[in-house]
Protein backbone atom coordinates (compact mmCIF):
# COMPACT_ATOMS: atom_id res chain seq x y z
CA MET A 1 2.42 -17.65 5.30
CA THR A 2 5.71 -15.75 4.87
CA THR A 3 8.44 -16.59 7.37
CA ASN A 4 10.80 -13.87 8.55
CA PRO A 5 14.25 -14.55 7.03
CA ILE A 6 16.20 -13.13 9.99
CA SER A 7 18.06 -15.72 12.05
CA PRO A 8 20.27 -15.29 15.15
CA THR A 9 23.80 -16.68 15.02
CA ILE A 10 23.69 -17.31 18.78
CA ALA A 11 21.20 -19.00 21.07
CA LEU A 12 18.81 -16.61 22.77
CA ASP A 13 18.07 -18.93 25.69
CA GLN A 14 21.38 -20.30 27.00
CA ASP A 15 23.21 -19.32 30.18
CA GLY A 16 26.39 -17.33 29.72
CA LYS A 17 27.35 -14.29 27.66
CA HIS A 18 26.99 -14.70 23.92
CA HIS A 19 27.93 -12.15 21.24
CA GLY A 20 26.66 -12.63 17.73
CA PHE A 21 24.41 -11.25 15.03
CA LEU A 22 20.90 -11.17 13.72
CA LYS A 23 21.50 -12.18 10.11
CA LEU A 24 19.19 -10.76 7.45
CA PRO A 25 19.88 -12.03 3.91
CA TYR A 26 20.16 -9.02 1.61
CA SER A 27 21.06 -9.45 -2.04
CA ARG A 28 22.51 -6.27 -3.50
CA ASP A 29 24.80 -4.98 -6.23
CA ASP A 30 28.02 -5.46 -4.27
CA SER A 31 27.09 -8.79 -2.63
CA ALA A 32 24.68 -11.07 -4.45
CA TRP A 33 24.44 -13.49 -1.53
CA GLY A 34 25.08 -10.88 1.14
CA ALA A 35 23.48 -10.27 4.51
CA ILE A 36 22.91 -7.47 7.00
CA MET A 37 24.69 -8.52 10.22
CA MET A 38 23.13 -6.76 13.21
CA PRO A 39 25.15 -7.10 16.45
CA ILE A 40 23.38 -8.72 19.39
CA THR A 41 24.46 -9.81 22.85
CA VAL A 42 22.53 -12.10 25.19
CA ILE A 43 23.56 -12.38 28.85
CA GLN A 44 21.65 -15.02 30.80
CA ASN A 45 21.96 -16.63 34.20
CA GLY A 46 19.27 -18.93 35.53
CA GLU A 47 15.68 -17.98 36.16
CA GLY A 48 14.38 -14.44 36.19
CA PRO A 49 12.83 -11.75 34.03
CA THR A 50 14.07 -10.70 30.61
CA ALA A 51 14.96 -7.16 29.56
CA LEU A 52 15.28 -6.11 25.93
CA LEU A 53 17.60 -3.09 25.57
CA THR A 54 17.80 -1.29 22.23
CA GLY A 55 19.65 1.69 20.80
CA GLY A 56 20.08 3.05 17.31
CA ASN A 57 16.36 2.91 16.53
CA HIS A 58 17.35 6.01 14.61
CA GLY A 59 20.83 5.77 13.22
CA ASP A 60 22.09 9.26 14.16
CA GLU A 61 21.43 8.91 17.90
CA TYR A 62 24.43 7.66 19.87
CA GLU A 63 23.91 7.56 23.64
CA GLY A 64 22.10 4.23 23.38
CA PRO A 65 24.72 2.49 21.22
CA VAL A 66 27.51 3.79 23.48
CA ALA A 67 25.81 2.66 26.72
CA LEU A 68 24.78 -0.72 25.31
CA GLN A 69 28.18 -1.48 23.79
CA ASP A 70 29.68 -0.76 27.21
CA LEU A 71 27.10 -2.93 28.97
CA ALA A 72 27.63 -5.84 26.58
CA LEU A 73 31.37 -5.67 27.21
CA THR A 74 31.42 -5.23 30.98
CA LEU A 75 28.40 -7.06 32.41
CA GLU A 76 29.05 -10.70 33.34
CA PRO A 77 26.54 -13.54 33.75
CA ALA A 78 27.30 -13.91 37.46
CA GLN A 79 25.83 -10.42 37.97
CA VAL A 80 22.57 -11.37 36.26
CA SER A 81 19.43 -13.16 37.44
CA GLY A 82 17.43 -13.74 34.30
CA ARG A 83 18.27 -12.52 30.81
CA ILE A 84 19.34 -9.34 29.03
CA ILE A 85 19.04 -9.05 25.26
CA ILE A 86 21.11 -6.16 23.90
CA LEU A 87 20.72 -4.65 20.42
CA PRO A 88 22.97 -1.57 20.28
CA ALA A 89 21.80 -0.61 16.76
CA LEU A 90 18.22 -1.63 16.05
CA ASN A 91 18.19 0.03 12.63
CA TYR A 92 21.69 -1.18 11.79
CA PRO A 93 21.82 0.10 8.18
CA ALA A 94 20.85 3.59 9.40
CA PHE A 95 23.41 3.38 12.22
CA ARG A 96 26.19 2.51 9.77
CA ALA A 97 25.18 5.42 7.54
CA GLY A 98 24.74 7.88 10.43
CA THR A 99 21.24 8.71 9.24
CA ARG A 100 17.83 8.77 10.91
CA THR A 101 16.33 6.35 8.38
CA SER A 102 17.72 3.35 6.53
CA PRO A 103 19.75 4.12 3.39
CA ILE A 104 18.42 0.85 1.93
CA ASP A 105 14.70 1.61 1.89
CA LYS A 106 14.39 4.99 3.71
CA GLY A 107 12.58 3.10 6.46
CA ASN A 108 12.04 4.87 9.77
CA MET A 109 12.29 1.99 12.24
CA ASN A 110 10.17 3.83 14.79
CA ARG A 111 7.29 4.14 12.32
CA SER A 112 7.55 0.59 10.88
CA PHE A 113 5.93 -1.62 13.55
CA PRO A 114 4.52 -4.23 13.54
CA GLY A 115 6.60 -4.75 10.40
CA ARG A 116 6.18 -7.28 7.64
CA PRO A 117 8.17 -10.52 7.20
CA GLY A 118 8.11 -10.22 3.41
CA GLY A 119 8.57 -6.45 3.28
CA THR A 120 11.53 -4.12 3.04
CA ALA A 121 14.65 -4.58 5.17
CA THR A 122 13.32 -2.18 7.82
CA GLN A 123 9.94 -3.93 7.89
CA LYS A 124 11.62 -7.31 8.26
CA ILE A 125 13.66 -6.10 11.25
CA ALA A 126 10.55 -4.61 12.87
CA ASP A 127 8.62 -7.85 12.30
CA TYR A 128 11.42 -9.93 13.85
CA VAL A 129 11.48 -7.71 16.94
CA GLN A 130 7.67 -7.79 17.19
CA GLN A 131 7.31 -11.54 16.69
CA CYS A 132 10.52 -12.99 18.15
CA LEU A 133 12.11 -10.60 20.66
CA LEU A 134 9.33 -8.61 22.33
CA PRO A 135 7.46 -11.79 23.38
CA LEU A 136 10.57 -12.87 25.33
CA ALA A 137 10.79 -9.70 27.43
CA GLU A 138 8.92 -8.23 30.36
CA PHE A 139 10.98 -5.01 30.39
CA VAL A 140 11.97 -2.92 27.36
CA LEU A 141 14.30 0.10 27.30
CA ASP A 142 14.72 1.96 24.00
CA PHE A 143 17.30 4.77 23.88
CA HIS A 144 16.69 7.89 21.80
CA SER A 145 18.11 11.38 21.45
CA GLY A 146 17.45 14.17 18.99
CA GLY A 147 19.68 13.03 16.16
CA LYS A 148 20.98 15.64 13.75
CA THR A 149 17.83 17.79 13.68
CA LEU A 150 16.71 18.15 17.32
CA ASP A 151 18.21 18.76 20.74
CA PHE A 152 16.65 17.80 24.08
CA VAL A 153 17.21 18.26 27.76
CA PRO A 154 18.15 14.74 28.93
CA PHE A 155 15.01 12.88 29.92
CA ALA A 156 13.48 9.45 30.36
CA ALA A 157 9.89 9.10 29.25
CA ALA A 158 6.76 7.00 29.60
CA HIS A 159 3.34 7.34 27.99
CA ILE A 160 -0.26 7.61 29.11
CA GLN A 161 -1.96 4.28 28.33
CA ASP A 162 -5.45 2.81 28.46
CA ASP A 163 -4.05 0.00 30.63
CA LYS A 164 -3.48 1.97 33.84
CA ARG A 165 -1.76 -0.93 35.59
CA ASN A 166 0.89 -1.13 32.87
CA GLU A 167 1.04 2.66 32.65
CA ASN A 168 1.94 2.81 36.35
CA ALA A 169 4.60 0.11 35.93
CA CYS A 170 6.14 2.09 33.06
CA PHE A 171 6.21 5.29 35.09
CA GLU A 172 7.86 3.50 38.01
CA ALA A 173 10.55 2.16 35.64
CA MET A 174 11.00 5.65 34.17
CA LYS A 175 11.57 7.03 37.68
CA ALA A 176 14.10 4.28 38.34
CA PHE A 177 16.06 5.26 35.22
CA ASN A 178 16.51 8.59 37.03
CA ALA A 179 17.41 10.94 34.20
CA PRO A 180 17.74 14.63 35.11
CA PHE A 181 14.23 15.08 33.69
CA SER A 182 11.30 12.62 33.67
CA VAL A 183 8.57 13.27 31.11
CA GLN A 184 5.00 12.12 30.67
CA LEU A 185 5.46 12.15 26.91
CA LEU A 186 2.92 13.17 24.28
CA GLU A 187 3.66 11.68 20.84
CA ILE A 188 2.44 13.69 17.86
CA ASP A 189 2.90 10.74 15.47
CA ASN A 190 2.63 7.38 17.28
CA VAL A 191 1.47 5.17 14.39
CA GLY A 192 3.93 2.33 13.82
CA MET A 193 6.06 3.15 16.85
CA TYR A 194 8.14 0.57 18.70
CA ASP A 195 6.83 2.17 21.89
CA THR A 196 3.22 1.47 20.92
CA ALA A 197 3.99 -2.11 19.89
CA ALA A 198 5.68 -2.87 23.23
CA GLU A 199 2.99 -1.17 25.33
CA GLU A 200 0.15 -2.93 23.50
CA MET A 201 1.86 -6.24 24.39
CA GLY A 202 1.85 -5.23 28.07
CA LYS A 203 5.60 -4.66 28.35
CA VAL A 204 7.12 -2.28 30.88
CA PHE A 205 8.48 0.23 28.37
CA VAL A 206 10.75 3.24 28.91
CA SER A 207 12.18 5.53 26.25
CA THR A 208 14.61 8.44 26.43
CA GLU A 209 15.69 11.63 24.74
CA LEU A 210 19.21 12.32 26.00
CA GLY A 211 20.58 15.11 23.85
CA GLY A 212 20.90 15.67 20.15
CA GLY A 213 22.77 17.27 17.31
CA GLY A 214 23.91 13.96 15.84
CA SER A 215 26.52 13.32 18.53
CA SER A 216 26.79 12.53 22.23
CA SER A 217 28.63 14.02 25.19
CA ALA A 218 30.41 12.68 28.25
CA ARG A 219 27.41 13.82 30.31
CA SER A 220 24.73 12.29 28.08
CA ASN A 221 26.61 9.00 27.80
CA ALA A 222 27.00 8.86 31.58
CA ILE A 223 23.24 9.43 31.98
CA ALA A 224 22.55 6.56 29.56
CA LYS A 225 24.93 4.16 31.32
CA LYS A 226 23.58 4.99 34.78
CA GLY A 227 20.00 4.77 33.57
CA ALA A 228 20.47 1.34 31.98
CA ARG A 229 21.96 -0.02 35.19
CA ASN A 230 19.16 1.51 37.32
CA PHE A 231 16.56 0.08 34.94
CA LEU A 232 18.02 -3.43 35.26
CA ILE A 233 18.16 -3.16 39.06
CA HIS A 234 14.53 -2.03 39.09
CA ALA A 235 13.62 -5.03 36.91
CA GLY A 236 15.29 -7.37 39.41
CA ILE A 237 17.78 -8.62 36.83
CA ILE A 238 20.94 -7.27 38.43
CA LYS A 239 21.64 -6.51 42.08
CA GLY A 240 23.01 -3.34 43.60
CA GLU A 241 22.04 0.08 44.81
CA MET A 242 20.51 2.47 42.32
CA GLU A 243 22.38 5.70 41.71
CA VAL A 244 19.74 8.34 42.38
CA ALA A 245 19.82 12.11 41.94
CA ALA A 246 17.15 14.79 41.74
CA THR A 247 14.87 14.69 38.69
CA VAL A 248 12.47 17.31 37.36
CA ASN A 249 9.04 15.84 36.56
CA LEU A 250 7.42 17.18 33.40
CA ASP A 251 4.14 16.68 31.58
CA MET A 252 3.16 17.32 27.95
CA PRO A 253 -0.61 17.68 28.31
CA ASP A 254 -1.56 18.61 24.75
CA GLY A 255 -0.47 19.87 21.35
CA ASP A 256 0.17 23.38 22.68
CA CYS A 257 3.52 22.05 23.87
CA PHE A 258 4.76 22.19 20.26
CA THR A 259 5.66 25.18 18.11
CA PHE A 260 6.13 24.57 14.39
CA CYS A 261 7.84 26.61 11.71
CA ASP A 262 5.85 27.64 8.61
CA ARG A 263 8.64 28.96 6.37
CA ASP A 264 12.17 28.18 5.23
CA GLY A 265 14.98 30.26 6.65
CA MET A 266 17.82 30.66 9.14
CA HIS A 267 16.96 29.57 12.67
CA GLU A 268 17.80 31.87 15.59
CA PRO A 269 17.04 30.34 19.02
CA MET A 270 15.85 32.96 21.50
CA VAL A 271 15.68 30.72 24.58
CA ASP A 272 18.23 28.18 25.76
CA MET A 273 17.39 24.61 26.62
CA GLY A 274 16.01 24.11 30.11
CA GLN A 275 14.96 27.73 30.53
CA ARG A 276 11.47 28.70 31.67
CA VAL A 277 9.19 30.58 29.30
CA LYS A 278 5.76 32.18 29.55
CA LYS A 279 2.96 31.75 27.06
CA GLY A 280 3.57 34.20 24.24
CA ASP A 281 7.32 34.51 24.78
CA VAL A 282 9.42 34.50 21.62
CA VAL A 283 11.26 31.15 21.55
CA ALA A 284 12.83 31.49 18.10
CA ARG A 285 13.15 33.74 15.08
CA VAL A 286 13.52 32.71 11.43
CA TRP A 287 15.42 34.98 9.05
CA PRO A 288 15.02 35.02 5.27
CA LEU A 289 17.83 33.36 3.34
CA ASP A 290 17.77 35.43 0.19
CA ARG A 291 17.76 39.09 1.19
CA THR A 292 18.65 41.67 3.84
CA GLY A 293 16.45 44.39 5.24
CA VAL A 294 13.56 42.03 6.07
CA ALA A 295 12.58 41.43 9.68
CA PRO A 296 12.62 37.83 10.95
CA THR A 297 9.45 35.89 11.69
CA GLU A 298 8.96 35.37 15.40
CA TYR A 299 7.69 32.10 16.89
CA HIS A 300 6.04 32.08 20.30
CA ALA A 301 5.49 29.61 23.11
CA ASN A 302 1.91 28.36 23.12
CA ARG A 303 2.02 27.69 26.87
CA SER A 304 4.15 28.48 29.91
CA GLY A 305 6.71 25.93 31.02
CA LEU A 306 10.22 24.65 30.43
CA LEU A 307 11.88 24.55 27.00
CA ILE A 308 12.81 20.87 26.65
CA SER A 309 13.55 20.62 22.93
CA ARG A 310 14.46 22.80 19.99
CA HIS A 311 15.39 22.59 16.33
CA PHE A 312 19.15 22.04 16.11
CA PRO A 313 20.56 22.97 12.66
CA GLY A 314 21.11 26.57 11.67
CA LEU A 315 18.71 26.27 8.73
CA ILE A 316 15.06 25.34 9.11
CA GLN A 317 12.22 24.36 6.77
CA SER A 318 8.50 24.89 6.77
CA GLY A 319 6.88 22.13 8.81
CA ASP A 320 9.84 21.59 11.16
CA CYS A 321 9.26 21.52 14.90
CA ILE A 322 11.04 24.61 16.21
CA ALA A 323 10.47 24.28 19.97
CA VAL A 324 8.80 22.12 22.62
CA VAL A 325 7.64 23.35 26.02
CA ALA A 326 6.67 21.01 28.86
CA VAL A 327 4.99 21.73 32.18
CA GLU A 328 6.62 21.07 35.54
CA VAL A 329 4.55 18.84 37.85
CA ASP A 330 4.97 17.64 41.42
């Protein structure tokens, strides 16, 4: 049986605040006996639940790394009852490269679970999280945003699950995060997802989409920081009053929420983020790249609702998601 080669440089079960690395040996051209050193912080104080907080699952999404770096710096053990495991950059090679997937093996961390201990670097990281970190935690918060190719209204999300008891616990934690929008999220490609791995293990799992464009903003970072603190209060790991504001509840009931592009061209958004649309409304146009005098192709909303996501770059390719519409619910 293959053993995962990743080892922590700090103890994961000792009181106090400990900063270190998950060390993955990685022999390469510029370092024959090298290693990938993934930053990790563990803050523990006595008995209590454990929360696993991760960012950088995709390397071009920054609200999570910003919020978790800040939390690792500022939170002290005396404020904690239990344990917090912080991984600001889950796919560390991708984070260093500023890319969605790993430059080492092109691995998409959020499609690599449960991983493989003898596989690629990305598969080894996924396997370590699946086998060594997720079993320690009752609560899991994984930060996402749109990266370089998508933009989102800022939302926290939870999924419909077969286990209705755990589903309800996840939705309660999502509400506690208290993003401006709260989404019952439909995944169009959930095979190999971290989300699925955590939920199948019965963890209280919350994800986010807090912006996009391959950067962050003062507003989106503030939402991430507030949400992490609220999540930990909800979990009973830190004390204090939650910071609560109004949230818009949204549902993604089926595939009609998505509109996809079927040609290459120049993307022209026709509706701004957060605006309401009716079924059939034009949400985007795509212009040809190689000639004038040709009308753009129009893309329409497949249902009425709120535009919560759109393609971000000015150019678009066939197969790209061009817009997402969700439905407001009570």
